[in-house]
Amino acid sequence: MRTFNELGLSPEVLEPIAKMGFEEMTPIQQEAIPVALSGKDLIGQARTGTGKTAAFGIPMIEKFIPEQGLPQGLVVTPTRELAIQVAEELNKIGGLKGIRSLPIYGGQDIGRQINYLKKRPEIIVGTPGRLLDHIRRRTIRLNEVATVVLDEADEMLNMGFIEDIEAILREIPAKRQTMLFSATMPRSIQQLAEKFMIQPQVIRTKSKEMTVPEVSQMYIEVQESQKFDVLCRLLDIQPPELAIVFGRTKRRVDEIAEGLKSRGYSAEGIHGDLSQPRRESVLGKFRNATIDVLVATDVAARGLDITGVSHVYNFDIPQDAEGYVHRIGRTGRAGRSGKAISFVTQRELEHFCSIQHSIGTQIKRAPLPSLMDVIKGQQRLLAEKILAVTEAGTTGHYREMAGKLLEESDSISLLAAALKLLTKEPDSTPVRITEESSYRFRHSRPSGGRKAPYGKRHRDQDGKYSQRSGSSRRYR
């Protein structure tokens, strides 16, 4: 694998790259950067999380000249979240050289954006609708743009932005470099390239890379009424660092998020109906790990580039293989491993098999998690925590009491009793809960007429939640 030092980049660009922790180039960077530096048009097929921002950002910053007056580069993204993320990364790379990037998106005060534009940033990163708004107001002039990038192009076309994109491209001089990056390559992308690009060089990552090899993929066959209980059990058995749960509709997302919160999980939902400040607040909490679980629709999660996501749960399976690849690409980033678990009802099995065939991956079937699996998972977590505290040597205040207890009983019995108390396991044999009993979707409506969210957890005789001691992180 080649390093960035082999590209002949200026010290002003290499130094920020090194500070960001980049060492070896990813496959898309290794192939795309030399082509981009040459000034040729290119089409890069790469999923989110493979380093494509640096793949187009480094050549732009290397070639651009600070304080030239008008924008020299334009990056078009499908969502405001991606626009912000791309601009932040470009500012890190271009900071030492003085190449500034400005995100432009809907939901932010346009007057404030106009004031920022007066400071003449070298690169503008924006969503199609807001860019067109500025073009019509003549608050953005693109007649000096030398490079334009269409990021997540397939997502923009799926969201119906084709006419907006074409209108934007018509405002940019024909003598320019055009780079297009997309996780998939449908016919609509090819048609766009034929219309607006000049003999583009096509760079494709290997098939196995498109199916996210760093992600362990599995599915669980469930009934619709079992999904929420299965999700909770999975979260208990192996608490994620950060997890994204995908729901099909906005209402679904709200119900899942409210249900998780009512059971003591640290979760929030995000979808297109949320205000921009609310969306930014939720995403900020998720990035900072203030919440563990983000419940999202496909549209709301498009373009999210958040490191540290260990699990993706497809509560509802996606409509097609492209959607599946985009979803599970939220985890398994930067060489880290991740898990993707899909809940599939019997009538969806045929469709899910077609997704597997399209992506060329055999996805393992996993059994339904049982209550005993939950208990074992909590015991394992508690054992790990006890060992960590022991190694940290912070048990001084408890050693005297421990010594007195050991005079009255053996160490194994005492430790077993402590584990039992911490897991709040009931004294009597627990009543068997079938897979279709109390932890199911609650379809009944309360007297107010509003559909009830997923049901709250039962409390034990002390008034405490009986099955949530596995991870204290959720009780923030």
Protein backbone atom coordinates (compact mmCIF):
# COMPACT_ATOMS: atom_id res chain seq x y z
CA MET A 1 0.00 0.00 0.00
CA ARG A 2 1.37 3.40 -1.01
CA THR A 3 1.76 6.36 1.35
CA PHE A 4 0.86 10.01 0.79
CA ASN A 5 4.55 10.93 0.75
CA GLU A 6 4.87 9.19 -2.63
CA LEU A 7 2.43 11.58 -4.32
CA GLY A 8 4.73 14.58 -4.47
CA LEU A 9 2.39 16.74 -2.37
CA SER A 10 3.48 20.03 -0.84
CA PRO A 11 4.53 20.14 2.85
CA GLU A 12 1.52 22.39 3.57
CA VAL A 13 -0.75 19.50 2.59
CA LEU A 14 1.30 16.57 3.91
CA GLU A 15 1.60 18.00 7.42
CA PRO A 16 -2.18 18.22 8.11
CA ILE A 17 -2.65 14.74 6.60
CA ALA A 18 -0.09 13.35 9.05
CA LYS A 19 -1.70 15.18 11.98
CA MET A 20 -5.07 13.65 11.06
CA GLY A 21 -3.50 10.21 11.48
CA PHE A 22 -3.54 9.23 7.81
CA GLU A 23 -0.62 6.96 6.95
CA GLU A 24 -1.32 4.57 4.09
CA MET A 25 -3.80 5.41 1.37
CA THR A 26 -7.06 3.52 1.03
CA PRO A 27 -7.71 1.77 -2.31
CA ILE A 28 -9.90 4.59 -3.64
CA GLN A 29 -7.33 7.22 -2.56
CA GLN A 30 -4.47 5.31 -4.13
CA GLU A 31 -6.19 5.16 -7.51
CA ALA A 32 -8.14 8.43 -7.54
CA ILE A 33 -5.65 11.00 -6.22
CA PRO A 34 -3.08 10.67 -9.06
CA VAL A 35 -5.87 10.93 -11.66
CA ALA A 36 -7.39 13.94 -9.89
CA LEU A 37 -4.00 15.65 -9.63
CA SER A 38 -3.60 15.25 -13.40
CA GLY A 39 -6.79 17.27 -13.96
CA LYS A 40 -8.74 14.49 -15.69
CA ASP A 41 -12.43 13.85 -15.07
CA LEU A 42 -13.04 10.73 -13.02
CA ILE A 43 -15.81 8.51 -11.69
CA GLY A 44 -15.01 6.79 -8.41
CA GLN A 45 -17.14 3.92 -7.19
CA ALA A 46 -16.66 3.78 -3.43
CA ARG A 47 -18.93 3.52 -0.46
CA THR A 48 -19.00 6.01 2.42
CA GLY A 49 -16.22 5.41 4.92
CA THR A 50 -13.50 4.44 2.44
CA GLY A 51 -11.73 7.80 2.51
CA LYS A 52 -13.23 9.32 -0.60
CA THR A 53 -13.39 12.84 0.89
CA ALA A 54 -9.61 12.89 1.04
CA ALA A 55 -9.51 11.26 -2.41
CA PHE A 56 -11.04 14.35 -4.00
CA GLY A 57 -10.14 16.89 -1.31
CA ILE A 58 -6.37 16.47 -1.33
CA PRO A 59 -5.99 17.16 -5.09
CA MET A 60 -8.28 20.19 -4.88
CA ILE A 61 -6.37 21.71 -1.97
CA GLU A 62 -3.00 20.91 -3.54
CA LYS A 63 -3.92 22.74 -6.78
CA PHE A 64 -5.94 25.70 -5.43
CA ILE A 65 -4.42 29.09 -4.66
CA PRO A 66 -5.47 30.92 -1.45
CA GLU A 67 -7.31 34.26 -1.59
CA GLN A 68 -8.01 34.29 -5.31
CA GLY A 69 -11.37 35.95 -4.76
CA LEU A 70 -14.05 33.62 -6.17
CA PRO A 71 -14.61 29.95 -5.28
CA GLN A 72 -12.28 27.57 -7.10
CA GLY A 73 -14.00 24.35 -6.03
CA LEU A 74 -17.57 23.13 -5.55
CA VAL A 75 -18.66 19.91 -3.78
CA VAL A 76 -22.33 18.93 -4.08
CA THR A 77 -23.69 16.54 -1.42
CA PRO A 78 -27.15 15.01 -0.86
CA THR A 79 -27.60 16.02 2.79
CA ARG A 80 -26.72 18.84 5.15
CA GLU A 81 -24.97 16.39 7.50
CA LEU A 82 -22.62 15.24 4.77
CA ALA A 83 -22.00 18.84 3.66
CA ILE A 84 -20.90 19.74 7.19
CA GLN A 85 -18.70 16.64 7.53
CA VAL A 86 -17.02 17.14 4.15
CA ALA A 87 -16.35 20.83 4.85
CA GLU A 88 -14.87 20.02 8.25
CA GLU A 89 -12.46 17.46 6.77
CA LEU A 90 -11.46 19.78 3.92
CA ASN A 91 -10.76 22.56 6.41
CA LYS A 92 -8.48 20.23 8.37
CA ILE A 93 -6.54 19.30 5.24
CA GLY A 94 -6.42 22.82 3.82
CA GLY A 95 -5.92 24.81 7.01
CA LEU A 96 -2.15 25.17 6.82
CA LYS A 97 -2.24 26.19 3.16
CA GLY A 98 -5.07 28.68 3.77
CA ILE A 99 -7.70 26.89 1.64
CA ARG A 100 -11.05 27.43 3.34
CA SER A 101 -14.23 25.42 2.85
CA LEU A 102 -17.76 26.62 3.63
CA PRO A 103 -20.81 24.35 4.05
CA ILE A 104 -24.05 25.66 2.51
CA TYR A 105 -27.31 23.85 3.26
CA GLY A 106 -30.99 24.30 3.86
CA GLY A 107 -32.25 24.92 7.38
CA GLN A 108 -29.49 27.40 8.19
CA ASP A 109 -30.20 31.13 8.09
CA ILE A 110 -29.48 32.25 4.53
CA GLY A 111 -28.44 35.73 5.67
CA ARG A 112 -25.71 34.23 7.80
CA GLN A 113 -24.58 32.14 4.83
CA ILE A 114 -24.40 35.25 2.66
CA ASN A 115 -22.18 36.95 5.24
CA TYR A 116 -19.87 33.90 5.28
CA LEU A 117 -19.76 33.89 1.47
CA LYS A 118 -18.51 37.48 1.53
CA LYS A 119 -15.34 36.15 3.17
CA ARG A 120 -14.66 34.40 -0.18
CA PRO A 121 -13.97 30.75 0.71
CA GLU A 122 -11.96 28.76 -1.83
CA ILE A 123 -14.29 25.72 -1.69
CA ILE A 124 -18.06 25.61 -1.27
CA VAL A 125 -19.71 22.40 -0.06
CA GLY A 126 -23.47 22.43 -0.42
CA THR A 127 -26.76 20.66 -0.94
CA PRO A 128 -28.42 21.10 -4.36
CA GLY A 129 -31.46 23.09 -3.25
CA ARG A 130 -29.60 25.67 -1.20
CA LEU A 131 -26.87 26.04 -3.84
CA LEU A 132 -29.49 26.81 -6.47
CA ASP A 133 -31.09 29.32 -4.12
CA HIS A 134 -27.79 31.20 -3.82
CA ILE A 135 -27.16 30.99 -7.55
CA ARG A 136 -30.56 32.58 -8.26
CA ARG A 137 -29.90 35.29 -5.66
CA ARG A 138 -26.48 35.84 -7.25
CA THR A 139 -24.84 35.46 -3.86
CA ILE A 140 -22.66 32.65 -5.25
CA ARG A 141 -20.69 33.09 -8.47
CA LEU A 142 -19.29 29.90 -9.97
CA ASN A 143 -17.59 31.31 -13.06
CA GLU A 144 -14.11 30.67 -11.58
CA VAL A 145 -14.78 27.10 -10.39
CA ALA A 146 -12.05 24.81 -11.71
CA THR A 147 -13.17 21.58 -10.02
CA VAL A 148 -16.63 20.29 -9.20
CA VAL A 149 -17.32 17.13 -7.19
CA LEU A 150 -20.61 15.22 -7.01
CA ASP A 151 -20.40 13.27 -3.75
CA GLU A 152 -22.79 10.36 -3.07
CA ALA A 153 -24.14 10.91 -6.58
CA ASP A 154 -26.44 7.89 -6.52
CA GLU A 155 -28.08 9.16 -3.34
CA MET A 156 -28.69 12.58 -4.88
CA LEU A 157 -30.34 11.00 -7.91
CA ASN A 158 -32.44 8.70 -5.71
CA MET A 159 -33.62 11.77 -3.79
CA GLY A 160 -34.78 13.43 -7.02
CA PHE A 161 -32.02 16.03 -7.39
CA ILE A 162 -31.13 15.26 -11.02
CA GLU A 163 -32.65 18.49 -12.41
CA ASP A 164 -31.03 20.59 -9.67
CA ILE A 165 -27.64 19.02 -10.33
CA GLU A 166 -27.89 19.64 -14.04
CA ALA A 167 -28.88 23.28 -13.41
CA ILE A 168 -25.87 23.75 -11.13
CA LEU A 169 -23.46 22.17 -13.61
CA ARG A 170 -24.69 24.53 -16.34
CA GLU A 171 -23.58 27.48 -14.17
CA ILE A 172 -19.98 26.22 -14.05
CA PRO A 173 -17.52 26.85 -16.90
CA ALA A 174 -17.32 23.98 -19.40
CA LYS A 175 -13.54 24.02 -19.02
CA ARG A 176 -13.38 22.36 -15.63
CA GLN A 177 -12.53 19.12 -13.91
CA THR A 178 -15.55 17.03 -12.83
CA MET A 179 -15.28 14.24 -10.28
CA LEU A 180 -18.20 11.98 -9.43
CA PHE A 181 -18.21 9.58 -6.47
CA SER A 182 -20.92 6.99 -5.92
CA ALA A 183 -21.34 3.75 -3.98
CA THR A 184 -23.32 2.22 -6.82
CA MET A 185 -23.32 2.82 -10.56
CA PRO A 186 -26.90 2.79 -11.91
CA ARG A 187 -27.73 3.81 -15.47
CA SER A 188 -28.76 7.31 -14.34
CA ILE A 189 -25.19 7.95 -13.13
CA GLN A 190 -23.78 6.85 -16.47
CA GLN A 191 -26.18 9.15 -18.32
CA LEU A 192 -25.16 12.09 -16.14
CA ALA A 193 -21.50 11.36 -16.82
CA GLU A 194 -22.08 11.15 -20.58
CA LYS A 195 -23.80 14.53 -20.50
CA PHE A 196 -21.42 16.54 -18.34
CA MET A 197 -18.04 14.77 -18.23
CA ILE A 198 -15.22 14.48 -20.76
CA GLN A 199 -13.78 10.98 -21.16
CA PRO A 200 -13.87 10.27 -17.41
CA GLN A 201 -11.56 7.63 -16.01
CA VAL A 202 -13.62 5.07 -14.08
CA ILE A 203 -12.18 3.77 -10.82
CA ARG A 204 -14.00 0.89 -9.16
CA THR A 205 -13.25 -0.71 -5.84
CA LYS A 206 -13.33 -4.49 -5.88
CA SER A 207 -16.64 -6.27 -5.43
CA LYS A 208 -15.69 -7.62 -2.03
CA GLU A 209 -14.92 -4.08 -0.84
CA MET A 210 -18.34 -2.89 -1.98
CA THR A 211 -19.99 -5.43 0.32
CA VAL A 212 -18.14 -4.12 3.40
CA PRO A 213 -15.80 -6.97 4.39
CA GLU A 214 -15.07 -5.45 7.81
CA VAL A 215 -18.71 -5.99 8.80
CA SER A 216 -19.99 -9.27 10.18
CA GLN A 217 -23.44 -9.70 8.62
CA MET A 218 -26.30 -11.85 9.87
CA TYR A 219 -30.07 -11.96 9.88
CA ILE A 220 -32.70 -13.19 12.29
CA GLU A 221 -36.04 -14.52 11.06
CA VAL A 222 -38.71 -12.95 13.24
CA GLN A 223 -42.40 -12.24 13.35
CA GLU A 224 -43.31 -8.58 13.11
CA SER A 225 -44.48 -8.57 16.73
CA GLN A 226 -41.13 -9.96 17.94
CA LYS A 227 -38.85 -7.31 16.47
CA PHE A 228 -38.73 -4.86 19.34
CA ASP A 229 -38.12 -7.51 21.99
CA VAL A 230 -35.38 -9.08 19.87
CA LEU A 231 -33.73 -5.67 19.43
CA CYS A 232 -33.73 -5.06 23.19
CA ARG A 233 -32.30 -8.48 23.90
CA LEU A 234 -29.51 -7.97 21.39
CA LEU A 235 -28.67 -4.62 22.96
CA ASP A 236 -28.52 -6.35 26.35
CA ILE A 237 -26.46 -9.34 25.23
CA GLN A 238 -23.77 -7.27 23.52
CA PRO A 239 -24.09 -3.56 24.31
CA PRO A 240 -22.77 -1.57 21.34
CA GLU A 241 -20.29 1.27 21.48
CA LEU A 242 -22.62 3.15 19.15
CA ALA A 243 -25.51 1.64 17.18
CA ILE A 244 -27.79 2.80 14.38
CA VAL A 245 -31.25 1.25 14.09
CA PHE A 246 -32.93 1.71 10.70
CA GLY A 247 -36.71 2.04 10.53
CA ARG A 248 -38.81 2.28 7.38
CA THR A 249 -40.89 5.36 8.22
CA LYS A 250 -40.76 8.49 10.37
CA ARG A 251 -43.54 7.15 12.59
CA ARG A 252 -41.70 3.88 12.98
CA VAL A 253 -38.54 5.71 14.03
CA ASP A 254 -40.43 7.73 16.63
CA GLU A 255 -42.05 4.61 18.08
CA ILE A 256 -38.80 2.65 18.29
CA ALA A 257 -36.91 5.56 19.87
CA GLU A 258 -39.65 6.23 22.43
CA GLY A 259 -39.89 2.52 23.23
CA LEU A 260 -36.15 2.23 23.78
CA LYS A 261 -36.07 5.28 26.02
CA SER A 262 -38.99 3.95 28.08
CA ARG A 263 -36.99 0.79 28.74
CA GLY A 264 -33.95 2.67 29.94
CA TYR A 265 -31.82 2.75 26.80
CA SER A 266 -29.95 5.90 25.81
CA ALA A 267 -31.56 6.46 22.40
CA GLU A 268 -32.82 9.23 20.11
CA GLY A 269 -34.57 9.24 16.75
CA ILE A 270 -33.80 11.26 13.63
CA HIS A 271 -35.83 11.76 10.47
CA GLY A 272 -36.74 14.41 7.92
CA ASP A 273 -39.45 16.08 10.01
CA LEU A 274 -37.03 17.23 12.71
CA SER A 275 -35.93 20.85 12.69
CA GLN A 276 -32.33 21.54 11.79
CA PRO A 277 -31.30 22.54 15.36
CA ARG A 278 -32.90 19.36 16.68
CA ARG A 279 -31.14 17.19 14.07
CA GLU A 280 -27.79 18.77 14.87
CA SER A 281 -28.41 18.31 18.60
CA VAL A 282 -29.20 14.59 18.21
CA LEU A 283 -26.23 13.96 15.92
CA GLY A 284 -23.95 15.87 18.30
CA LYS A 285 -25.03 13.65 21.18
CA PHE A 286 -24.43 10.56 19.08
CA ARG A 287 -20.98 11.66 17.93
CA ASN A 288 -20.01 12.43 21.52
CA ALA A 289 -21.46 9.09 22.73
CA THR A 290 -23.92 10.89 25.01
CA ILE A 291 -26.46 8.54 23.47
CA ASP A 292 -25.65 4.98 22.39
CA VAL A 293 -28.43 4.28 19.91
CA LEU A 294 -29.52 6.40 16.95
CA VAL A 295 -32.81 5.37 15.32
CA ALA A 296 -33.05 6.71 11.77
CA THR A 297 -34.79 6.58 8.43
CA ASP A 298 -32.69 6.00 5.32
CA VAL A 299 -33.05 9.63 4.22
CA ALA A 300 -31.95 11.03 7.60
CA ALA A 301 -28.91 8.72 7.75
CA ARG A 302 -27.66 9.40 4.22
CA GLY A 303 -24.17 10.80 4.24
CA LEU A 304 -23.59 10.24 7.97
CA ASP A 305 -19.89 9.69 8.54
CA ILE A 306 -19.51 8.90 12.23
CA THR A 307 -16.65 6.76 13.45
CA GLY A 308 -17.11 4.28 16.26
CA VAL A 309 -20.45 2.80 15.13
CA SER A 310 -20.09 -0.84 16.16
CA HIS A 311 -23.55 -2.14 15.25
CA VAL A 312 -26.19 -1.52 12.61
CA TYR A 313 -29.66 -3.04 13.09
CA ASN A 314 -32.00 -3.23 10.13
CA PHE A 315 -35.26 -3.18 12.10
CA ASP A 316 -36.98 -3.04 8.69
CA ILE A 317 -35.04 -4.41 5.75
CA PRO A 318 -34.16 -1.92 2.98
CA GLN A 319 -35.91 -1.77 -0.37
CA ASP A 320 -32.92 -2.91 -2.41
CA ALA A 321 -29.29 -4.04 -2.36
CA GLU A 322 -28.00 -0.49 -2.77
CA GLY A 323 -29.86 0.59 0.34
CA TYR A 324 -28.47 -2.39 2.23
CA VAL A 325 -24.88 -1.55 1.29
CA HIS A 326 -25.38 2.09 2.28
CA ARG A 327 -26.84 1.12 5.64
CA ILE A 328 -24.24 -1.39 6.74
CA GLY A 329 -21.53 0.96 5.50
CA ARG A 330 -22.24 3.09 8.60
CA THR A 331 -20.13 0.59 10.59
CA GLY A 332 -16.87 -1.24 9.90
CA ARG A 333 -14.98 1.97 9.12
CA ALA A 334 -11.30 2.82 9.17
CA GLY A 335 -10.33 -0.84 9.39
CA ARG A 336 -12.43 -1.47 12.50
CA SER A 337 -14.85 -4.37 12.68
CA GLY A 338 -18.61 -3.94 12.91
CA LYS A 339 -21.81 -5.96 12.99
CA ALA A 340 -24.94 -5.66 10.86
CA ILE A 341 -28.05 -7.55 11.95
CA SER A 342 -31.24 -7.60 9.90
CA PHE A 343 -34.70 -8.56 11.15
CA VAL A 344 -36.50 -10.48 8.40
CA THR A 345 -40.10 -11.67 8.49
CA GLN A 346 -41.10 -14.81 6.63
CA ARG A 347 -42.78 -12.94 3.80
CA GLU A 348 -39.59 -10.87 3.32
CA LEU A 349 -37.25 -13.86 3.01
CA GLU A 350 -37.41 -14.01 -0.79
CA HIS A 351 -36.66 -10.30 -1.08
CA PHE A 352 -33.79 -10.60 1.40
CA CYS A 353 -32.34 -13.50 -0.59
CA SER A 354 -32.36 -11.28 -3.69
CA ILE A 355 -30.38 -8.65 -1.75
CA GLN A 356 -27.80 -11.29 -0.81
CA HIS A 357 -27.54 -12.38 -4.43
CA SER A 358 -27.08 -8.79 -5.64
CA ILE A 359 -24.25 -8.00 -3.25
CA GLY A 360 -22.61 -11.41 -3.74
CA THR A 361 -22.52 -12.25 -0.04
CA GLN A 362 -24.03 -15.14 1.88
CA ILE A 363 -25.47 -13.66 5.07
CA LYS A 364 -25.58 -16.00 8.05
CA ARG A 365 -28.84 -16.78 9.79
CA ALA A 366 -28.70 -16.33 13.58
CA PRO A 367 -31.09 -17.83 16.16
CA LEU A 368 -33.54 -15.78 18.15
CA PRO A 369 -31.86 -14.55 21.34
CA SER A 370 -33.35 -16.02 24.51
CA LEU A 371 -33.71 -14.59 28.00
CA MET A 372 -30.91 -16.90 29.11
CA ASP A 373 -28.68 -15.33 26.43
CA VAL A 374 -29.45 -11.93 27.98
CA ILE A 375 -28.54 -13.14 31.47
CA LYS A 376 -25.31 -14.72 30.24
CA GLY A 377 -24.45 -11.54 28.37
CA GLN A 378 -24.96 -9.44 31.48
CA GLN A 379 -22.91 -11.85 33.56
CA ARG A 380 -20.07 -11.66 31.07
CA LEU A 381 -20.14 -7.85 31.10
CA LEU A 382 -20.16 -7.73 34.89
CA ALA A 383 -17.22 -10.13 35.04
CA GLU A 384 -15.28 -7.88 32.67
CA LYS A 385 -16.09 -4.82 34.79
CA ILE A 386 -15.02 -6.58 38.00
CA LEU A 387 -11.70 -7.59 36.42
CA ALA A 388 -11.16 -4.03 35.16
CA VAL A 389 -11.75 -2.57 38.64
CA THR A 390 -9.42 -5.19 40.13
CA GLU A 391 -6.65 -4.31 37.68
CA ALA A 392 -7.16 -0.60 38.34
CA GLY A 393 -6.49 -1.19 42.05
CA THR A 394 -9.33 1.07 43.23
CA THR A 395 -10.84 -1.35 45.75
CA GLY A 396 -9.08 -0.03 48.87
CA HIS A 397 -12.19 1.04 50.80
CA TYR A 398 -13.80 -2.36 50.32
CA ARG A 399 -10.93 -4.66 51.21
CA GLU A 400 -11.62 -4.69 54.97
CA MET A 401 -15.28 -5.64 54.43
CA ALA A 402 -14.22 -8.27 51.88
CA GLY A 403 -11.85 -9.80 54.41
CA LYS A 404 -14.62 -10.08 57.03
CA LEU A 405 -16.95 -11.72 54.51
CA LEU A 406 -14.28 -14.25 53.55
CA GLU A 407 -14.02 -15.29 57.19
CA GLU A 408 -17.67 -16.33 57.03
CA SER A 409 -17.92 -17.83 53.53
CA ASP A 410 -15.77 -19.02 50.63
CA SER A 411 -14.71 -16.66 47.84
CA ILE A 412 -16.61 -18.42 45.02
CA SER A 413 -19.93 -18.24 46.88
CA LEU A 414 -19.40 -14.58 47.72
CA LEU A 415 -18.50 -13.62 44.15
CA ALA A 416 -21.45 -15.59 42.77
CA ALA A 417 -23.79 -13.79 45.21
CA ALA A 418 -22.38 -10.42 44.17
CA LEU A 419 -22.93 -11.22 40.49
CA LYS A 420 -26.49 -12.33 41.23
CA LEU A 421 -27.25 -9.09 43.09
CA LEU A 422 -25.76 -6.96 40.32
CA THR A 423 -27.77 -8.74 37.62
CA LYS A 424 -30.89 -8.51 39.82
CA GLU A 425 -31.74 -12.10 38.93
CA PRO A 426 -35.01 -13.08 40.67
CA ASP A 427 -34.80 -15.55 43.56
CA SER A 428 -37.38 -17.91 42.11
CA THR A 429 -37.25 -19.58 38.71
CA PRO A 430 -38.26 -16.92 36.19
CA VAL A 431 -41.55 -17.32 34.40
CA ARG A 432 -40.94 -18.37 30.83
CA ILE A 433 -41.69 -15.51 28.46
CA THR A 434 -42.66 -16.74 25.03
CA GLU A 435 -41.49 -14.94 21.93
CA GLU A 436 -44.99 -13.51 21.38
CA SER A 437 -45.78 -12.34 24.89
CA SER A 438 -45.29 -9.07 26.73
CA TYR A 439 -42.23 -7.70 24.93
CA ARG A 440 -43.95 -7.24 21.59
CA PHE A 441 -45.11 -4.29 19.55
CA ARG A 442 -47.90 -2.54 21.44
CA HIS A 443 -50.62 -1.96 18.86
CA SER A 444 -53.28 -0.88 21.36
CA ARG A 445 -54.15 2.78 21.57
CA PRO A 446 -54.50 4.68 24.85
CA SER A 447 -57.59 6.72 25.57
CA GLY A 448 -56.02 9.82 24.04
CA GLY A 449 -56.09 8.17 20.62
CA ARG A 450 -52.33 8.36 20.05
CA LYS A 451 -50.65 5.09 19.15
CA ALA A 452 -48.67 3.86 22.12
CA PRO A 453 -44.92 3.40 21.75
CA TYR A 454 -43.30 0.09 22.50
CA GLY A 455 -44.07 -1.02 26.04
CA LYS A 456 -42.11 -0.16 29.15
CA ARG A 457 -40.06 -2.78 30.95
CA HIS A 458 -41.44 -4.48 34.04
CA ARG A 459 -39.96 -3.42 37.36
CA ASP A 460 -38.98 -5.78 40.18
CA GLN A 461 -40.24 -5.61 43.75
CA ASP A 462 -37.72 -2.89 44.60
CA GLY A 463 -39.05 -0.72 41.79
CA LYS A 464 -35.94 -1.18 39.66
CA TYR A 465 -35.70 -2.30 36.08
CA SER A 466 -35.05 -6.03 36.21
CA GLN A 467 -32.99 -6.53 33.04
CA ARG A 468 -30.99 -3.37 32.41
CA SER A 469 -27.95 -3.68 34.67
CA GLY A 470 -25.67 -4.87 31.88
CA SER A 471 -24.36 -1.45 30.91
CA SER A 472 -24.41 1.65 33.05
CA ARG A 473 -23.74 3.80 29.98
CA ARG A 474 -27.44 3.80 29.16
CA TYR A 475 -28.43 5.49 32.43
CA ARG A 476 -27.12 8.91 31.50
